Amino acid sequence: MSPGVHYWQLSRALVSRRSKRKSHCGIKLSLLSAAAMHSFPQPALALVAEMEKAAAADPSRAVSFQGAPGCNGHRAALEYAPDCLPLPCFSFEDALDAVKEGKAAKAIIPIENSQHGRVADIHFLLPESGLYIVAEHFLRISHALMALAGPDGVVGPIKAAYSHPQALGQSRHFLRERGIVPMAYADTAGAAAFIKEQGDLEAGALAPRNAADLYGLKIVEEEVEDAADNTTRFVVLANKPLDPATDLSGGPAMTTLVFEVRNVPAALYKAMGGFATNGVNMTKLESYQKGASFAATTFYADIVGAPGDPAVDRALEELAFHCKELRMLGTYPQELP
């Protein structure tokens, strides 16, 4: 396989091999079993257990996130609520379930990146979870290439780099220019812990720089992302929605909703007309298919404003008239990046 092969193809091909064999990069695959992909690597387990214990003692301060300690979700939780108790979860679903089950008061989930687009399929996950968006947070993202040093203290050469697909996509030019094969992993810091666990000197990880300290790796190069303004938008989720009339400070607000238009000509055009005529700014509109019929499309949207504002209320009323389904996912203070 050449470095130009897409990392999803590489991952699928490598996992299909017997666990005792090695890839062209020398990566041992014994831990890439189905069971291993649903738990954190061994070097992260002690930190995870310590953070879980702290969160269990005071769930009202706990904020769940997806990833191993040291990942960008961990950073986002501490930036959003410096006094919180971050609770690491292996998957996005686990992070949402932690809130539903009372293990955490809130969850913080990345939904889109300025360079690589959508992160989590929040329009699928959120409606199913029953949670509501209560805040947003923008995090500047910087990746470092890190690896194990050999007995002589020398690092490399690095032939493969593990990380979350978003981090790999945000650093694709850096990796391609150096002939480093991108390999998908569940999260950035988890990839660093995985490299430590494997002990392979030809493999590296893309992760926040503090992951190198947490898992005993050496930083090869910092700021390997392809864009200096690389930013990810996170949303904060809770069991109860904010009340626009009482819980907002009066500053700019955002409202997030999902809707399914009727399967008739010009349905979307008509549904959007209320926002135009009432001067309501829509900052995001994404379509996705719900079910296998492909007969109608569901949309995820962000608008500036809150229910209770006459213009917003009129726009939402007109939207509802043209829709089969309309669901509000939350109104929350607007944060600018």
Protein backbone atom coordinates (compact mmCIF):
# COMPACT_ATOMS: atom_id res chain seq x y z
CA MET A 1 0.00 0.00 0.00
CA SER A 2 1.21 3.47 -0.75
CA PRO A 3 0.93 6.50 1.56
CA GLY A 4 -1.69 7.87 -0.79
CA VAL A 5 -4.22 5.15 0.05
CA HIS A 6 -7.15 6.53 2.01
CA TYR A 7 -6.91 5.83 5.73
CA TRP A 8 -10.36 4.21 5.85
CA GLN A 9 -9.21 1.67 3.28
CA LEU A 10 -6.04 1.09 5.25
CA SER A 11 -7.90 0.60 8.51
CA ARG A 12 -10.33 -1.86 6.96
CA ALA A 13 -7.57 -3.81 5.27
CA LEU A 14 -5.40 -3.94 8.36
CA VAL A 15 -8.14 -4.99 10.76
CA SER A 16 -9.05 -7.87 8.46
CA ARG A 17 -5.60 -9.38 8.87
CA ARG A 18 -4.76 -11.81 11.61
CA SER A 19 -3.87 -10.10 14.86
CA LYS A 20 -0.41 -11.63 14.97
CA ARG A 21 0.64 -10.13 11.69
CA LYS A 22 2.09 -6.65 11.28
CA SER A 23 1.30 -3.96 8.76
CA HIS A 24 3.89 -2.46 6.46
CA CYS A 25 4.51 0.09 9.23
CA GLY A 26 5.13 -2.54 11.88
CA ILE A 27 1.93 -1.80 13.84
CA LYS A 28 0.78 -4.72 15.96
CA LEU A 29 -2.92 -5.26 15.48
CA SER A 30 -3.74 -7.55 18.39
CA LEU A 31 -5.66 -4.78 20.15
CA LEU A 32 -7.66 -3.73 17.10
CA SER A 33 -10.26 -6.39 17.89
CA ALA A 34 -13.94 -5.61 18.33
CA ALA A 35 -13.54 -5.64 22.10
CA ALA A 36 -10.52 -3.35 22.05
CA MET A 37 -12.29 -0.76 19.92
CA HIS A 38 -14.86 -0.28 22.68
CA SER A 39 -12.45 0.58 25.45
CA PHE A 40 -9.57 2.94 26.11
CA PRO A 41 -5.96 1.81 25.66
CA GLN A 42 -4.25 0.55 28.81
CA PRO A 43 -2.11 3.68 29.39
CA ALA A 44 -5.29 5.79 29.65
CA LEU A 45 -7.25 3.54 32.01
CA ALA A 46 -5.83 4.83 35.29
CA LEU A 47 -6.56 8.44 34.33
CA VAL A 48 -10.05 7.51 33.17
CA ALA A 49 -10.77 5.69 36.43
CA GLU A 50 -9.54 8.65 38.47
CA MET A 51 -11.73 11.10 36.53
CA GLU A 52 -14.76 8.80 36.71
CA LYS A 53 -14.36 8.56 40.48
CA ALA A 54 -14.21 12.34 40.85
CA ALA A 55 -17.28 12.82 38.63
CA ALA A 56 -19.24 10.17 40.52
CA ALA A 57 -18.63 12.04 43.78
CA ASP A 58 -20.20 15.23 42.38
CA PRO A 59 -22.22 14.60 39.18
CA SER A 60 -23.63 18.13 39.25
CA ARG A 61 -20.18 19.44 38.28
CA ALA A 62 -19.39 16.69 35.76
CA VAL A 63 -19.17 17.42 32.03
CA SER A 64 -18.89 14.35 29.81
CA PHE A 65 -16.89 14.33 26.57
CA GLN A 66 -15.86 11.81 23.94
CA GLY A 67 -12.27 10.68 24.02
CA ALA A 68 -9.38 9.79 26.30
CA PRO A 69 -7.97 12.26 28.82
CA GLY A 70 -6.00 14.95 27.00
CA CYS A 71 -8.18 15.07 23.87
CA ASN A 72 -9.74 18.23 22.47
CA GLY A 73 -13.07 17.41 24.08
CA HIS A 74 -11.27 17.43 27.44
CA ARG A 75 -9.78 20.81 26.60
CA ALA A 76 -13.17 22.15 25.51
CA ALA A 77 -14.83 21.04 28.75
CA LEU A 78 -12.24 22.87 30.85
CA GLU A 79 -12.40 26.01 28.70
CA TYR A 80 -16.19 26.05 28.84
CA ALA A 81 -16.39 25.36 32.60
CA PRO A 82 -12.98 25.69 34.31
CA ASP A 83 -14.34 24.33 37.61
CA CYS A 84 -16.05 21.31 36.07
CA LEU A 85 -15.15 17.64 36.58
CA PRO A 86 -14.40 16.32 33.06
CA LEU A 87 -15.75 12.81 32.46
CA PRO A 88 -14.11 10.88 29.57
CA CYS A 89 -16.35 8.60 27.51
CA PHE A 90 -15.31 6.29 24.68
CA SER A 91 -18.03 7.30 22.19
CA PHE A 92 -20.35 10.23 21.55
CA GLU A 93 -23.29 8.02 22.53
CA ASP A 94 -21.58 7.21 25.84
CA ALA A 95 -21.10 10.93 26.54
CA LEU A 96 -24.79 11.63 25.90
CA ASP A 97 -25.86 8.61 27.96
CA ALA A 98 -23.81 9.90 30.89
CA VAL A 99 -26.11 12.93 31.05
CA LYS A 100 -29.28 10.90 30.58
CA GLU A 101 -28.22 8.52 33.37
CA GLY A 102 -27.29 11.30 35.79
CA LYS A 103 -23.55 10.63 35.73
CA ALA A 104 -22.92 14.12 34.38
CA ALA A 105 -24.86 17.37 34.37
CA LYS A 106 -23.81 18.24 30.82
CA ALA A 107 -22.02 16.85 27.79
CA ILE A 108 -19.83 18.79 25.38
CA ILE A 109 -19.76 17.47 21.80
CA PRO A 110 -17.89 18.76 18.71
CA ILE A 111 -20.20 19.25 15.75
CA GLU A 112 -18.23 21.05 13.03
CA ASN A 113 -14.71 22.11 12.13
CA SER A 114 -13.69 25.12 10.07
CA GLN A 115 -11.42 23.01 7.82
CA HIS A 116 -12.92 19.54 7.74
CA GLY A 117 -16.65 20.06 8.17
CA ARG A 118 -19.05 17.99 10.25
CA VAL A 119 -17.62 16.13 13.23
CA ALA A 120 -20.42 14.33 15.03
CA ASP A 121 -23.74 13.48 13.42
CA ILE A 122 -25.53 15.56 15.99
CA HIS A 123 -28.75 15.61 13.95
CA PHE A 124 -28.96 11.83 14.42
CA LEU A 125 -27.59 11.63 17.96
CA LEU A 126 -29.34 14.57 19.59
CA PRO A 127 -33.00 13.90 18.68
CA GLU A 128 -32.58 10.30 19.80
CA SER A 129 -30.97 11.33 23.09
CA GLY A 130 -33.74 13.63 24.29
CA LEU A 131 -31.14 16.20 25.39
CA TYR A 132 -31.09 19.91 24.56
CA ILE A 133 -28.39 22.34 23.46
CA VAL A 134 -27.77 24.90 26.22
CA ALA A 135 -24.49 26.50 25.05
CA GLU A 136 -21.92 26.58 22.29
CA HIS A 137 -18.13 26.87 22.53
CA PHE A 138 -15.45 27.48 19.89
CA LEU A 139 -12.05 25.84 20.45
CA ARG A 140 -8.86 26.66 18.57
CA ILE A 141 -7.43 23.31 17.48
CA SER A 142 -3.71 22.59 17.23
CA HIS A 143 -2.24 19.15 16.64
CA ALA A 144 1.22 17.85 17.47
CA LEU A 145 2.89 14.82 15.94
CA MET A 146 4.19 12.66 18.78
CA ALA A 147 5.85 9.26 19.04
CA LEU A 148 7.96 7.02 21.23
CA ALA A 149 11.69 7.65 21.38
CA GLY A 150 14.04 4.71 20.86
CA PRO A 151 16.63 3.55 23.38
CA ASP A 152 19.03 6.15 22.00
CA GLY A 153 16.48 8.93 22.46
CA VAL A 154 15.94 9.33 18.72
CA VAL A 155 12.43 9.44 17.28
CA GLY A 156 11.47 8.01 13.93
CA PRO A 157 11.37 7.77 11.08
CA ILE A 158 7.58 7.91 11.43
CA LYS A 159 5.77 5.89 8.77
CA ALA A 160 2.18 6.07 10.07
CA ALA A 161 0.16 8.47 12.21
CA TYR A 162 -2.93 7.51 14.19
CA SER A 163 -5.64 9.97 15.17
CA HIS A 164 -9.32 10.85 14.90
CA PRO A 165 -10.39 11.17 11.24
CA GLN A 166 -11.01 14.89 11.79
CA ALA A 167 -7.44 15.49 12.97
CA LEU A 168 -6.08 13.47 10.05
CA GLY A 169 -8.17 15.49 7.62
CA GLN A 170 -7.11 18.78 9.20
CA SER A 171 -3.44 17.77 8.75
CA ARG A 172 -3.65 15.89 5.46
CA HIS A 173 -1.18 18.12 3.58
CA PHE A 174 1.39 17.83 6.36
CA LEU A 175 1.11 14.03 6.35
CA ARG A 176 1.13 13.65 2.59
CA GLU A 177 4.19 15.84 2.11
CA ARG A 178 6.12 13.60 4.52
CA GLY A 179 4.83 10.29 3.20
CA ILE A 180 3.17 9.46 6.53
CA VAL A 181 0.22 7.08 6.23
CA PRO A 182 -2.89 8.38 8.10
CA MET A 183 -4.63 5.77 10.27
CA ALA A 184 -8.03 6.37 11.85
CA TYR A 185 -8.53 5.96 15.60
CA ALA A 186 -11.42 6.77 17.96
CA ASP A 187 -9.90 10.01 19.27
CA THR A 188 -6.70 12.03 19.32
CA ALA A 189 -5.44 11.43 22.86
CA GLY A 190 -6.60 7.83 22.68
CA ALA A 191 -4.34 7.43 19.66
CA ALA A 192 -1.41 8.71 21.72
CA ALA A 193 -2.21 6.19 24.47
CA PHE A 194 -2.50 3.47 21.81
CA ILE A 195 0.96 4.26 20.43
CA LYS A 196 2.39 4.06 23.96
CA GLU A 197 0.68 0.72 24.50
CA GLN A 198 1.88 -0.74 21.21
CA GLY A 199 5.50 0.34 21.69
CA ASP A 200 6.01 0.72 17.94
CA LEU A 201 8.79 3.18 17.11
CA GLU A 202 7.61 3.70 13.52
CA ALA A 203 4.12 4.89 14.48
CA GLY A 204 3.07 8.30 15.76
CA ALA A 205 -0.09 10.08 16.85
CA LEU A 206 -1.68 13.44 16.11
CA ALA A 207 -3.01 14.86 19.38
CA PRO A 208 -2.98 17.95 21.60
CA ARG A 209 0.54 18.54 22.91
CA ASN A 210 -0.40 17.73 26.53
CA ALA A 211 -1.19 14.15 25.45
CA ALA A 212 2.54 13.62 24.99
CA ASP A 213 3.10 14.38 28.68
CA LEU A 214 0.16 12.23 29.79
CA TYR A 215 1.27 9.15 27.86
CA GLY A 216 5.04 9.43 27.81
CA LEU A 217 5.59 10.34 24.17
CA LYS A 218 8.02 12.79 22.58
CA ILE A 219 6.77 15.64 20.40
CA VAL A 220 8.21 15.43 16.89
CA GLU A 221 6.58 18.58 15.51
CA GLU A 222 3.94 21.02 16.76
CA GLU A 223 1.14 22.86 14.93
CA VAL A 224 0.94 20.34 12.10
CA GLU A 225 -2.62 21.38 11.16
CA ASP A 226 -2.88 22.79 7.65
CA ALA A 227 -4.66 26.03 8.64
CA ALA A 228 -3.59 28.48 11.33
CA ASP A 229 -7.22 29.34 12.16
CA ASN A 230 -8.31 25.72 12.62
CA THR A 231 -11.36 25.91 14.93
CA THR A 232 -14.00 23.44 16.11
CA ARG A 233 -17.46 24.36 17.30
CA PHE A 234 -18.77 22.41 20.29
CA VAL A 235 -22.30 22.32 21.69
CA VAL A 236 -23.14 21.74 25.35
CA LEU A 237 -26.08 19.44 26.08
CA ALA A 238 -28.27 19.01 29.15
CA ASN A 239 -31.47 17.23 30.19
CA LYS A 240 -33.55 20.40 30.29
CA PRO A 241 -33.69 23.24 27.74
CA LEU A 242 -33.07 26.86 28.61
CA ASP A 243 -36.16 29.04 28.81
CA PRO A 244 -35.60 31.94 26.38
CA ALA A 245 -37.76 34.19 28.54
CA THR A 246 -35.91 33.63 31.83
CA ASP A 247 -32.58 31.83 31.26
CA LEU A 248 -30.95 34.08 28.66
CA SER A 249 -29.19 37.29 29.63
CA GLY A 250 -30.72 39.34 26.85
CA GLY A 251 -27.71 39.13 24.57
CA PRO A 252 -27.62 37.50 21.12
CA ALA A 253 -29.07 33.99 21.08
CA MET A 254 -28.97 30.98 18.78
CA THR A 255 -31.75 28.48 18.19
CA THR A 256 -31.14 25.02 16.72
CA LEU A 257 -33.88 22.94 15.12
CA VAL A 258 -34.49 19.97 12.86
CA PHE A 259 -37.37 19.76 10.41
CA GLU A 260 -38.70 17.56 7.64
CA VAL A 261 -40.39 19.28 4.74
CA ARG A 262 -43.40 17.89 2.94
CA ASN A 263 -42.59 15.89 -0.19
CA VAL A 264 -44.02 18.42 -2.65
CA PRO A 265 -42.38 20.76 -5.20
CA ALA A 266 -40.78 23.91 -3.77
CA ALA A 267 -41.39 22.73 -0.18
CA LEU A 268 -37.99 23.93 1.05
CA TYR A 269 -38.29 27.24 -0.80
CA LYS A 270 -41.63 27.90 0.87
CA ALA A 271 -40.38 26.77 4.28
CA MET A 272 -37.45 29.17 4.10
CA GLY A 273 -39.56 32.11 3.00
CA GLY A 274 -40.63 32.98 6.54
CA PHE A 275 -37.05 33.58 7.63
CA ALA A 276 -36.41 35.91 4.70
CA THR A 277 -39.59 37.95 5.05
CA ASN A 278 -39.16 38.31 8.82
CA GLY A 279 -35.45 39.19 8.69
CA VAL A 280 -34.27 36.14 10.67
CA ASN A 281 -30.68 35.13 9.87
CA MET A 282 -30.07 31.42 9.27
CA THR A 283 -26.38 30.62 9.81
CA LYS A 284 -26.46 26.89 9.13
CA LEU A 285 -28.60 24.56 7.02
CA GLU A 286 -27.64 20.92 6.45
CA SER A 287 -29.68 18.17 4.85
CA TYR A 288 -29.62 14.47 5.66
CA GLN A 289 -31.70 11.42 4.88
CA LYS A 290 -33.84 9.82 7.55
CA GLY A 291 -34.62 6.19 6.79
CA ALA A 292 -34.17 4.36 3.51
CA SER A 293 -37.02 5.76 1.44
CA PHE A 294 -35.04 8.78 0.15
CA ALA A 295 -38.44 10.35 -0.56
CA ALA A 296 -38.08 13.34 1.76
CA THR A 297 -35.22 15.16 3.38
CA THR A 298 -34.68 16.28 6.96
CA PHE A 299 -32.77 19.49 7.68
CA TYR A 300 -30.67 20.67 10.61
CA ALA A 301 -30.61 24.46 11.03
CA ASP A 302 -29.20 27.21 13.26
CA ILE A 303 -30.85 30.62 13.37
CA VAL A 304 -29.94 33.82 15.18
CA GLY A 305 -32.66 34.69 17.65
CA ALA A 306 -34.97 33.00 20.14
CA PRO A 307 -38.62 32.03 20.42
CA GLY A 308 -40.51 34.90 22.02
CA ASP A 309 -39.09 37.36 19.54
CA PRO A 310 -42.03 38.23 17.24
CA ALA A 311 -39.97 37.89 14.05
CA VAL A 312 -38.64 34.47 15.11
CA ASP A 313 -42.10 33.30 16.14
CA ARG A 314 -43.58 34.29 12.78
CA ALA A 315 -40.76 32.57 10.88
CA LEU A 316 -41.15 29.37 12.91
CA GLU A 317 -44.92 29.41 12.47
CA GLU A 318 -44.54 29.59 8.69
CA LEU A 319 -41.85 26.90 8.76
CA ALA A 320 -44.15 24.57 10.73
CA PHE A 321 -46.94 25.07 8.19
CA HIS A 322 -44.76 23.63 5.41
CA CYS A 323 -43.24 20.80 7.44
CA LYS A 324 -44.22 17.26 8.36
CA GLU A 325 -42.11 17.52 11.50
CA LEU A 326 -40.42 20.34 13.40
CA ARG A 327 -38.35 19.82 16.53
CA MET A 328 -36.57 22.44 18.60
CA LEU A 329 -33.19 21.28 19.87
CA GLY A 330 -32.46 24.28 22.07
CA THR A 331 -32.01 28.03 22.41
CA TYR A 332 -28.76 29.25 23.96
CA PRO A 333 -26.43 32.28 24.18
CA GLN A 334 -24.50 32.99 21.00
CA GLU A 335 -20.72 32.73 21.33
CA LEU A 336 -18.51 34.19 18.63
CA PRO A 337 -15.30 32.33 17.66
